[in-house]
PDB file of N, CA and C in Angstrom:
ATOM      1  N   MET A   1       5.111 -13.118  -3.284  1.00  0.00           N
ATOM      2  CA  MET A   1       3.732 -11.659  -2.949  1.00  0.00           C
ATOM      3  C   MET A   1       2.409 -12.529  -2.667  1.00  0.00           C
ATOM      4  N   ALA A   2       1.703 -12.235  -1.894  1.00  0.00           N
ATOM      5  CA  ALA A   2       0.405 -12.409  -0.765  1.00  0.00           C
ATOM      6  C   ALA A   2      -0.275 -11.553  -1.237  1.00  0.00           C
ATOM      7  N   GLU A   3      -1.866 -12.825  -2.240  1.00  0.00           N
ATOM      8  CA  GLU A   3      -2.731 -11.531  -2.434  1.00  0.00           C
ATOM      9  C   GLU A   3      -4.211 -12.158  -1.637  1.00  0.00           C
ATOM     10  N   SER A   4      -5.135 -11.253  -1.282  1.00  0.00           N
ATOM     11  CA  SER A   4      -6.175 -11.961  -1.017  1.00  0.00           C
ATOM     12  C   SER A   4      -7.229 -10.532  -1.610  1.00  0.00           C
ATOM     13  N   VAL A   5      -8.500 -11.555  -1.253  1.00  0.00           N
ATOM     14  CA  VAL A   5      -9.673 -11.041  -1.703  1.00  0.00           C
ATOM     15  C   VAL A   5     -11.124 -10.624  -0.456  1.00  0.00           C
ATOM     16  N   LYS A   6     -11.438  -9.883  -0.018  1.00  0.00           N
ATOM     17  CA  LYS A   6     -12.487  -9.971   0.940  1.00  0.00           C
ATOM     18  C   LYS A   6     -13.388  -9.425   0.333  1.00  0.00           C
ATOM     19  N   SER A   7     -14.691  -9.716   0.922  1.00  0.00           N
ATOM     20  CA  SER A   7     -15.917  -8.856   0.363  1.00  0.00           C
ATOM     21  C   SER A   7     -16.903  -8.823   1.159  1.00  0.00           C
ATOM     22  N   ASN A   8     -17.981  -8.368   0.803  1.00  0.00           N
ATOM     23  CA  ASN A   8     -19.193  -8.110   1.863  1.00  0.00           C
ATOM     24  C   ASN A   8     -20.365  -7.140   0.434  1.00  0.00           C
ATOM     25  N   GLN A   9     -21.799  -7.099   1.341  1.00  0.00           N
ATOM     26  CA  GLN A   9     -22.506  -6.575   0.760  1.00  0.00           C
ATOM     27  C   GLN A   9     -21.884  -4.846  -0.006  1.00  0.00           C
ATOM     28  N   ARG A  10     -21.223  -4.486   0.888  1.00  0.00           N
ATOM     29  CA  ARG A  10     -21.113  -2.657   0.698  1.00  0.00           C
ATOM     30  C   ARG A  10     -19.610  -2.443   0.734  1.00  0.00           C
ATOM     31  N   LYS A  11     -18.572  -3.791   0.397  1.00  0.00           N
ATOM     32  CA  LYS A  11     -17.151  -3.528   0.436  1.00  0.00           C
ATOM     33  C   LYS A  11     -16.686  -4.089  -0.432  1.00  0.00           C
ATOM     34  N   LYS A  12     -15.754  -4.497  -1.136  1.00  0.00           N
ATOM     35  CA  LYS A  12     -14.914  -5.163  -1.682  1.00  0.00           C
ATOM     36  C   LYS A  12     -13.642  -4.997  -2.063  1.00  0.00           C
ATOM     37  N   SER A  13     -12.525  -5.399  -1.693  1.00  0.00           N
ATOM     38  CA  SER A  13     -11.232  -5.259  -1.626  1.00  0.00           C
ATOM     39  C   SER A  13     -10.301  -6.701  -2.020  1.00  0.00           C
ATOM     40  N   ARG A  14      -8.959  -5.819  -2.799  1.00  0.00           N
ATOM     41  CA  ARG A  14      -8.230  -6.464  -3.082  1.00  0.00           C
ATOM     42  C   ARG A  14      -6.756  -6.606  -2.913  1.00  0.00           C
ATOM     43  N   SER A  15      -5.859  -6.994  -2.535  1.00  0.00           N
ATOM     44  CA  SER A  15      -4.605  -6.331  -1.867  1.00  0.00           C
ATOM     45  C   SER A  15      -3.436  -7.463  -2.758  1.00  0.00           C
ATOM     46  N   GLN A  16      -2.206  -6.334  -2.524  1.00  0.00           N
ATOM     47  CA  GLN A  16      -1.324  -7.489  -2.551  1.00  0.00           C
ATOM     48  C   GLN A  16      -0.138  -6.790  -1.907  1.00  0.00           C
ATOM     49  N   GLU A  17       0.862  -8.093  -1.602  1.00  0.00           N
ATOM     50  CA  GLU A  17       1.744  -7.461  -0.578  1.00  0.00           C
ATOM     51  C   GLU A  17       3.398  -7.376  -1.189  1.00  0.00           C
ATOM     52  N   GLN A  18       3.974  -6.871  -0.920  1.00  0.00           N
ATOM     53  CA  GLN A  18       5.433  -6.744  -1.287  1.00  0.00           C
ATOM     54  C   GLN A  18       6.355  -6.273  -0.681  1.00  0.00           C
ATOM     55  N   PRO A  19       7.027  -7.445   0.296  1.00  0.00           N
ATOM     56  CA  PRO A  19       8.174  -6.504   1.308  1.00  0.00           C
ATOM     57  C   PRO A  19       8.863  -6.161   0.637  1.00  0.00           C
ATOM     58  N   VAL A  20       9.327  -5.202   1.198  1.00  0.00           N
ATOM     59  CA  VAL A  20      11.118  -4.185   1.022  1.00  0.00           C
ATOM     60  C   VAL A  20      11.855  -4.581   1.956  1.00  0.00           C
ATOM     61  N   SER A  21      13.203  -4.897   2.152  1.00  0.00           N
ATOM     62  CA  SER A  21      13.671  -4.795   2.800  1.00  0.00           C
ATOM     63  C   SER A  21      15.544  -4.267   3.445  1.00  0.00           C
ATOM     64  N   PHE A  22      15.508  -3.863   3.831  1.00  0.00           N
ATOM     65  CA  PHE A  22      17.059  -3.056   3.795  1.00  0.00           C
ATOM     66  C   PHE A  22      18.075  -4.559   4.201  1.00  0.00           C
ATOM     67  N   ALA A  23      19.148  -3.464   3.275  1.00  0.00           N
ATOM     68  CA  ALA A  23      20.292  -4.315   3.243  1.00  0.00           C
ATOM     69  C   ALA A  23      20.562  -5.042   4.830  1.00  0.00           C
ATOM     70  N   GLN A  24      21.626  -6.120   4.791  1.00  0.00           N
ATOM     71  CA  GLN A  24      21.830  -6.745   5.954  1.00  0.00           C
ATOM     72  C   GLN A  24      22.022  -5.471   7.204  1.00  0.00           C
ATOM     73  N   ASP A  25      22.941  -4.539   6.555  1.00  0.00           N
ATOM     74  CA  ASP A  25      24.099  -3.652   7.830  1.00  0.00           C
ATOM     75  C   ASP A  25      23.627  -2.475   7.562  1.00  0.00           C
ATOM     76  N   GLN A  26      22.050  -1.817   6.756  1.00  0.00           N
ATOM     77  CA  GLN A  26      21.935  -0.730   6.794  1.00  0.00           C
ATOM     78  C   GLN A  26      20.780  -0.354   7.818  1.00  0.00           C
ATOM     79  N   ARG A  27      21.124   0.499   8.772  1.00  0.00           N
ATOM     80  CA  ARG A  27      20.047   0.618   9.973  1.00  0.00           C
ATOM     81  C   ARG A  27      19.745   2.646   9.202  1.00  0.00           C
ATOM     82  N   LEU A  28      18.310   2.397  10.304  1.00  0.00           N
ATOM     83  CA  LEU A  28      17.151   3.275  10.763  1.00  0.00           C
ATOM     84  C   LEU A  28      18.178   4.160  11.543  1.00  0.00           C
ATOM     85  N   MET A  29      18.392   6.011  11.718  1.00  0.00           N
ATOM     86  CA  MET A  29      18.490   6.767  12.225  1.00  0.00           C
ATOM     87  C   MET A  29      17.822   7.753  12.591  1.00  0.00           C
ATOM     88  N   ALA A  30      17.423   7.880  13.610  1.00  0.00           N
ATOM     89  CA  ALA A  30      16.218   9.327  14.328  1.00  0.00           C
ATOM     90  C   ALA A  30      16.465  10.310  13.469  1.00  0.00           C
ATOM     91  N   GLY A  31      15.790  10.725  13.093  1.00  0.00           N
ATOM     92  CA  GLY A  31      15.713  11.813  12.455  1.00  0.00           C
ATOM     93  C   GLY A  31      16.539  12.258  11.026  1.00  0.00           C
ATOM     94  N   GLU A  32      16.839  11.268  10.737  1.00  0.00           N
ATOM     95  CA  GLU A  32      17.483  10.814   9.278  1.00  0.00           C
ATOM     96  C   GLU A  32      16.162  10.155   7.967  1.00  0.00           C
ATOM     97  N   PRO A  33      16.392  10.822   6.839  1.00  0.00           N
ATOM     98  CA  PRO A  33      14.830  10.510   6.205  1.00  0.00           C
ATOM     99  C   PRO A  33      16.003   9.102   5.414  1.00  0.00           C
ATOM    100  N   THR A  34      15.091   8.323   5.420  1.00  0.00           N
ATOM    101  CA  THR A  34      15.262   6.738   4.223  1.00  0.00           C
ATOM    102  C   THR A  34      14.466   6.703   3.621  1.00  0.00           C
ATOM    103  N   THR A  35      14.769   6.526   2.515  1.00  0.00           N
ATOM    104  CA  THR A  35      13.990   5.618   0.806  1.00  0.00           C
ATOM    105  C   THR A  35      14.058   4.404   0.348  1.00  0.00           C
ATOM    106  N   LEU A  36      12.956   3.877   0.425  1.00  0.00           N
ATOM    107  CA  LEU A  36      12.695   2.107  -0.093  1.00  0.00           C
ATOM    108  C   LEU A  36      11.611   3.133  -1.297  1.00  0.00           C
ATOM    109  N   THR A  37      11.972   1.478  -2.230  1.00  0.00           N
ATOM    110  CA  THR A  37      11.569   1.854  -3.673  1.00  0.00           C
ATOM    111  C   THR A  37      10.597   0.554  -4.321  1.00  0.00           C
ATOM    112  N   ALA A  38       9.922   0.714  -3.968  1.00  0.00           N
ATOM    113  CA  ALA A  38       9.340  -0.921  -4.321  1.00  0.00           C
ATOM    114  C   ALA A  38       7.939  -0.470  -5.463  1.00  0.00           C
ATOM    115  N   SER A  39       8.232  -1.491  -6.466  1.00  0.00           N
ATOM    116  CA  SER A  39       7.044  -1.438  -7.768  1.00  0.00           C
ATOM    117  C   SER A  39       5.690  -1.224  -7.718  1.00  0.00           C
ATOM    118  N   LEU A  40       4.520  -1.009  -8.189  1.00  0.00           N
ATOM    119  CA  LEU A  40       3.214  -0.812  -7.926  1.00  0.00           C
ATOM    120  C   LEU A  40       2.656  -1.269  -9.580  1.00  0.00           C
ATOM    121  N   HIS A  41       1.739  -2.489  -9.517  1.00  0.00           N
ATOM    122  CA  HIS A  41       2.077  -2.334 -11.424  1.00  0.00           C
ATOM    123  C   HIS A  41       0.300  -2.577 -11.470  1.00  0.00           C
ATOM    124  N   VAL A  42      -0.164  -1.299 -12.147  1.00  0.00           N
ATOM    125  CA  VAL A  42      -1.500  -1.327 -12.018  1.00  0.00           C
ATOM    126  C   VAL A  42      -1.874  -1.986 -14.375  1.00  0.00           C
ATOM    127  N   PRO A  43      -2.349  -2.751 -13.340  1.00  0.00           N
ATOM    128  CA  PRO A  43      -2.956  -3.698 -15.200  1.00  0.00           C
ATOM    129  C   PRO A  43      -4.010  -2.471 -15.554  1.00  0.00           C
ATOM    130  N   LEU A  44      -3.515  -3.010 -16.970  1.00  0.00           N
ATOM    131  CA  LEU A  44      -4.105  -1.857 -18.556  1.00  0.00           C
ATOM    132  C   LEU A  44      -5.291  -2.206 -18.348  1.00  0.00           C
ATOM    133  N   ASP A  45      -6.040  -2.806 -18.094  1.00  0.00           N
ATOM    134  CA  ASP A  45      -7.619  -2.832 -17.879  1.00  0.00           C
ATOM    135  C   ASP A  45      -7.925  -2.761 -16.154  1.00  0.00           C
ATOM    136  N   ALA A  46      -7.584  -1.869 -15.367  1.00  0.00           N
ATOM    137  CA  ALA A  46      -7.939  -1.484 -13.835  1.00  0.00           C
ATOM    138  C   ALA A  46      -8.714  -1.194 -14.576  1.00  0.00           C
ATOM    139  N   PRO A  47     -10.035  -0.696 -13.326  1.00  0.00           N
ATOM    140  CA  PRO A  47     -10.691  -0.035 -13.594  1.00  0.00           C
ATOM    141  C   PRO A  47      -9.902   1.395 -13.099  1.00  0.00           C
ATOM    142  N   THR A  48     -10.605   2.605 -13.323  1.00  0.00           N
ATOM    143  CA  THR A  48      -9.851   3.781 -12.468  1.00  0.00           C
ATOM    144  C   THR A  48     -10.712   4.347 -11.443  1.00  0.00           C
ATOM    145  N   THR A  49     -10.103   5.349 -10.782  1.00  0.00           N
ATOM    146  CA  THR A  49     -10.441   5.867  -9.936  1.00  0.00           C
ATOM    147  C   THR A  49     -11.961   6.149  -9.771  1.00  0.00           C
ATOM    148  N   PHE A  50     -13.371   5.902  -8.454  1.00  0.00           N
ATOM    149  CA  PHE A  50     -14.183   7.145  -8.799  1.00  0.00           C
ATOM    150  C   PHE A  50     -15.082   7.454  -7.680  1.00  0.00           C
ATOM    151  N   LEU A  51     -15.474   8.484  -7.540  1.00  0.00           N
ATOM    152  CA  LEU A  51     -15.913   9.105  -6.725  1.00  0.00           C
ATOM    153  C   LEU A  51     -16.985   8.946  -6.746  1.00  0.00           C
ATOM    154  N   ALA A  52     -18.387   8.914  -5.522  1.00  0.00           N
ATOM    155  CA  ALA A  52     -19.570  10.055  -6.011  1.00  0.00           C
ATOM    156  C   ALA A  52     -20.181   9.662  -4.381  1.00  0.00           C
ATOM    157  N   ALA A  53     -21.664  10.430  -4.126  1.00  0.00           N
ATOM    158  CA  ALA A  53     -22.177   9.899  -3.049  1.00  0.00           C
ATOM    159  C   ALA A  53     -22.659   8.873  -2.630  1.00  0.00           C
ATOM    160  N   HIS A  54     -22.407   7.989  -3.640  1.00  0.00           N
ATOM    161  CA  HIS A  54     -22.390   6.442  -2.510  1.00  0.00           C
ATOM    162  C   HIS A  54     -21.831   5.553  -3.209  1.00  0.00           C
ATOM    163  N   ASN A  55     -21.312   5.123  -4.282  1.00  0.00           N
ATOM    164  CA  ASN A  55     -19.757   4.841  -4.625  1.00  0.00           C
ATOM    165  C   ASN A  55     -18.928   5.364  -4.484  1.00  0.00           C
ATOM    166  N   SER A  56     -18.308   4.320  -4.283  1.00  0.00           N
ATOM    167  CA  SER A  56     -16.385   4.612  -4.649  1.00  0.00           C
ATOM    168  C   SER A  56     -15.195   3.333  -4.706  1.00  0.00           C
ATOM    169  N   LEU A  57     -14.711   3.940  -5.956  1.00  0.00           N
ATOM    170  CA  LEU A  57     -13.731   2.594  -6.520  1.00  0.00           C
ATOM    171  C   LEU A  57     -12.539   3.569  -6.073  1.00  0.00           C
ATOM    172  N   LEU A  58     -11.696   2.813  -4.788  1.00  0.00           N
ATOM    173  CA  LEU A  58     -10.576   3.776  -4.278  1.00  0.00           C
ATOM    174  C   LEU A  58      -9.223   2.932  -5.013  1.00  0.00           C
ATOM    175  N   TRP A  59      -7.980   3.633  -4.698  1.00  0.00           N
ATOM    176  CA  TRP A  59      -6.694   2.674  -4.711  1.00  0.00           C
ATOM    177  C   TRP A  59      -6.067   3.233  -3.529  1.00  0.00           C
ATOM    178  N   LEU A  60      -5.324   2.367  -2.629  1.00  0.00           N
ATOM    179  CA  LEU A  60      -4.612   2.857  -2.121  1.00  0.00           C
ATOM    180  C   LEU A  60      -3.686   1.984  -1.855  1.00  0.00           C
ATOM    181  N   VAL A  61      -2.273   2.694  -1.107  1.00  0.00           N
ATOM    182  CA  VAL A  61      -1.148   1.825  -1.141  1.00  0.00           C
ATOM    183  C   VAL A  61      -0.846   1.893   0.358  1.00  0.00           C
ATOM    184  N   ASN A  62      -0.933   0.830   1.111  1.00  0.00           N
ATOM    185  CA  ASN A  62      -0.646   0.467   2.895  1.00  0.00           C
ATOM    186  C   ASN A  62       0.913   0.397   3.155  1.00  0.00           C
ATOM    187  N   VAL A  63       1.297   1.149   3.491  1.00  0.00           N
ATOM    188  CA  VAL A  63       2.596   0.992   4.147  1.00  0.00           C
ATOM    189  C   VAL A  63       2.988   0.335   5.978  1.00  0.00           C
ATOM    190  N   HIS A  64       3.721  -0.566   5.492  1.00  0.00           N
ATOM    191  CA  HIS A  64       3.570  -0.948   7.335  1.00  0.00           C
ATOM    192  C   HIS A  64       5.091  -1.158   7.112  1.00  0.00           C
ATOM    193  N   VAL A  65       5.394  -0.617   8.551  1.00  0.00           N
ATOM    194  CA  VAL A  65       7.031  -0.607   8.765  1.00  0.00           C
ATOM    195  C   VAL A  65       7.206  -1.584  10.664  1.00  0.00           C
ATOM    196  N   LYS A  66       7.774  -2.396   9.770  1.00  0.00           N
ATOM    197  CA  LYS A  66       8.163  -3.652  11.135  1.00  0.00           C
ATOM    198  C   LYS A  66       9.158  -2.683  11.911  1.00  0.00           C
ATOM    199  N   LEU A  67       9.338  -2.427  12.656  1.00  0.00           N
ATOM    200  CA  LEU A  67      10.742  -2.171  13.284  1.00  0.00           C
ATOM    201  C   LEU A  67      10.915  -2.767  14.816  1.00  0.00           C
ATOM    202  N   ARG A  68      12.306  -2.837  14.861  1.00  0.00           N
ATOM    203  CA  ARG A  68      12.461  -3.776  16.341  1.00  0.00           C
ATOM    204  C   ARG A  68      12.732  -3.883  17.614  1.00  0.00           C
ATOM    205  N   GLY A  69      11.745  -3.919  18.649  1.00  0.00           N
ATOM    206  CA  GLY A  69      11.877  -3.199  19.456  1.00  0.00           C
ATOM    207  C   GLY A  69      10.989  -1.484  19.935  1.00  0.00           C
ATOM    208  N   TRP A  70      10.667  -1.175  18.559  1.00  0.00           N
ATOM    209  CA  TRP A  70       9.383  -0.525  18.918  1.00  0.00           C
ATOM    210  C   TRP A  70       8.075  -0.445  18.044  1.00  0.00           C
ATOM    211  N   PRO A  71       7.311   0.126  18.496  1.00  0.00           N
ATOM    212  CA  PRO A  71       5.796   0.286  17.449  1.00  0.00           C
ATOM    213  C   PRO A  71       5.800   0.448  16.096  1.00  0.00           C
ATOM    214  N   ASP A  72       5.396  -0.788  15.439  1.00  0.00           N
ATOM    215  CA  ASP A  72       5.425  -0.765  14.387  1.00  0.00           C
ATOM    216  C   ASP A  72       4.769   0.380  13.838  1.00  0.00           C
ATOM    217  N   TRP A  73       5.162   0.971  12.538  1.00  0.00           N
ATOM    218  CA  TRP A  73       4.282   2.514  11.840  1.00  0.00           C
ATOM    219  C   TRP A  73       3.693   1.570  10.622  1.00  0.00           C
ATOM    220  N   THR A  74       2.287   2.715   9.853  1.00  0.00           N
ATOM    221  CA  THR A  74       1.526   2.166   9.113  1.00  0.00           C
ATOM    222  C   THR A  74       1.258   2.959   8.228  1.00  0.00           C
ATOM    223  N   HIS A  75       0.897   3.773   7.352  1.00  0.00           N
ATOM    224  CA  HIS A  75       0.924   4.761   6.636  1.00  0.00           C
ATOM    225  C   HIS A  75      -0.108   4.387   5.147  1.00  0.00           C
ATOM    226  N   GLU A  76      -1.301   4.955   4.901  1.00  0.00           N
ATOM    227  CA  GLU A  76      -2.240   4.609   4.139  1.00  0.00           C
ATOM    228  C   GLU A  76      -2.164   5.907   2.734  1.00  0.00           C
ATOM    229  N   VAL A  77      -1.474   5.182   2.011  1.00  0.00           N
ATOM    230  CA  VAL A  77      -1.096   7.051   0.669  1.00  0.00           C
ATOM    231  C   VAL A  77      -2.454   6.353   0.174  1.00  0.00           C
ATOM    232  N   PRO A  78      -3.644   7.233  -0.610  1.00  0.00           N
ATOM    233  CA  PRO A  78      -4.446   7.366  -1.616  1.00  0.00           C
ATOM    234  C   PRO A  78      -3.487   7.364  -3.375  1.00  0.00           C
ATOM    235  N   LEU A  79      -4.040   6.766  -3.689  1.00  0.00           N
ATOM    236  CA  LEU A  79      -3.575   6.748  -5.296  1.00  0.00           C
ATOM    237  C   LEU A  79      -4.935   6.973  -6.377  1.00  0.00           C
ATOM    238  N   ILE A  80      -4.061   8.088  -7.038  1.00  0.00           N
ATOM    239  CA  ILE A  80      -5.981   8.141  -8.261  1.00  0.00           C
ATOM    240  C   ILE A  80      -5.404   7.623  -9.898  1.00  0.00           C
ATOM    241  N   VAL A  81      -6.192   6.965  -9.947  1.00  0.00           N
ATOM    242  CA  VAL A  81      -5.772   5.655 -11.206  1.00  0.00           C
ATOM    243  C   VAL A  81      -6.571   6.490 -12.113  1.00  0.00           C
ATOM    244  N   ARG A  82      -6.298   6.591 -13.162  1.00  0.00           N
ATOM    245  CA  ARG A  82      -7.163   7.768 -14.571  1.00  0.00           C
ATOM    246  C   ARG A  82      -6.969   6.856 -16.099  1.00  0.00           C
ATOM    247  N   PRO A  83      -7.656   6.707 -16.388  1.00  0.00           N
ATOM    248  CA  PRO A  83      -7.978   6.132 -18.250  1.00  0.00           C
ATOM    249  C   PRO A  83      -6.460   6.157 -18.947  1.00  0.00           C
TER     250      PRO A  83
END
């Protein structure tokens, strides 16, 4: 699991990476749904999601799929962390 922290005057972000792989003989077929499962641990003392006019604290899951021979696919999913 890789972890990085980036910051500037306006934005701070922290990320964790958790690779999920297919079984060696598993294949993606066009038009067929595929499900992958991963766990996300939100610490008990983690700050909750917060949105205001000039400030926010957002939780996002970025999904990145590498496809051999095709362009990679990415998707961002917002999470709401409540107390």
